[in-house]
């Protein structure tokens, strides 16, 4: 009899705890790139500018979610702001290739139906994330590249601009610095990776809306001084971007070659789907253990179906921010 009462009390306790861990109405996380981001190298003015931009981007997405808007709309509108801000390596702030051009990539995924769209190597689309979403919603394809992606974007009314629109002096100076470093090392095509100041400035958003739907998007100018139309992980579904209502929405930033090889975004969700891992445990396993062991640098942001958020990174810093209903927002840069 005592044992039965004991078991009954345990069941009541478990049920009570389950009710107390109610899913928040919405949750959103964003990143503005990871890499060698050290406070000692940041002026107070520039740090303030980054914090303000992250805050403003977070507000855009949160306002959409708070008013009952869709996760897909929150992802697009938030990334639009980040693409238009020259502080980040996406859209207006895209870095330069070895040839002195801007080649941009973006991906978009809807967790409610796992439809996805992506573009890569585009040079005149003002907001690549908008083109990626258009591929998802207005084409029968998933991935379009180069001139074809640009023609498609124009055909569905996506804004295009002269390539000169993307020029910023800071990014141009960054290319010259990268070339000088490459020449000093005697390289002939190998990009100078590692603990340098070649920041991985990709932007991305992952969120959960009030309907319980997840979505993720990522946009980037790629790697400074990249050659041969190099494509990184950002536009590749499963590598840099992934979303599934059954598990989580993920957007990555970092040394793309490693994120490509180890399909990082999908790996997070796969650990949850097949092993029953929590989002936090999956992030720890992939970002802080597997990538580190393989030599990959970077991080990710992710939101799971229960509104849990993670923002792990193994680099010196990552521009990042998050918010969920009923909780204070977090806006961070350094470790």
Foldseek 3Di string as FASTA:
>chain_A
DVVVVVVVVVVVVVVVVVVVLAFFLKKKKKFFFFFQDDPVVDDPVRVVVLLVLQVVLQVQLVVQQVVQHDQQVSFQVSVLSSLVDLVFCFQLVNAAALVGFFKKKKKKAWQVVRFIFIETGEQWQRHRPVLRVCCRVPHPDHYYYYPRSVVVCVVVPGDTHPSVSSDDPVRVVVLVVQVVVCVVVVHDQDGDDDRDPFIFRKMKMWMAHSVLIIMIMIMGRDTRHHDDRDDFQRRPEQQAWGHHSVWKTKGWTWRRVLSVVVSLRNQLRCCCVPVVDHSVVSQCCVAVPVCVVVVTFTWMWMATSSGDIDTDGDHQWIFMKMDTPPDDIDTDTGD
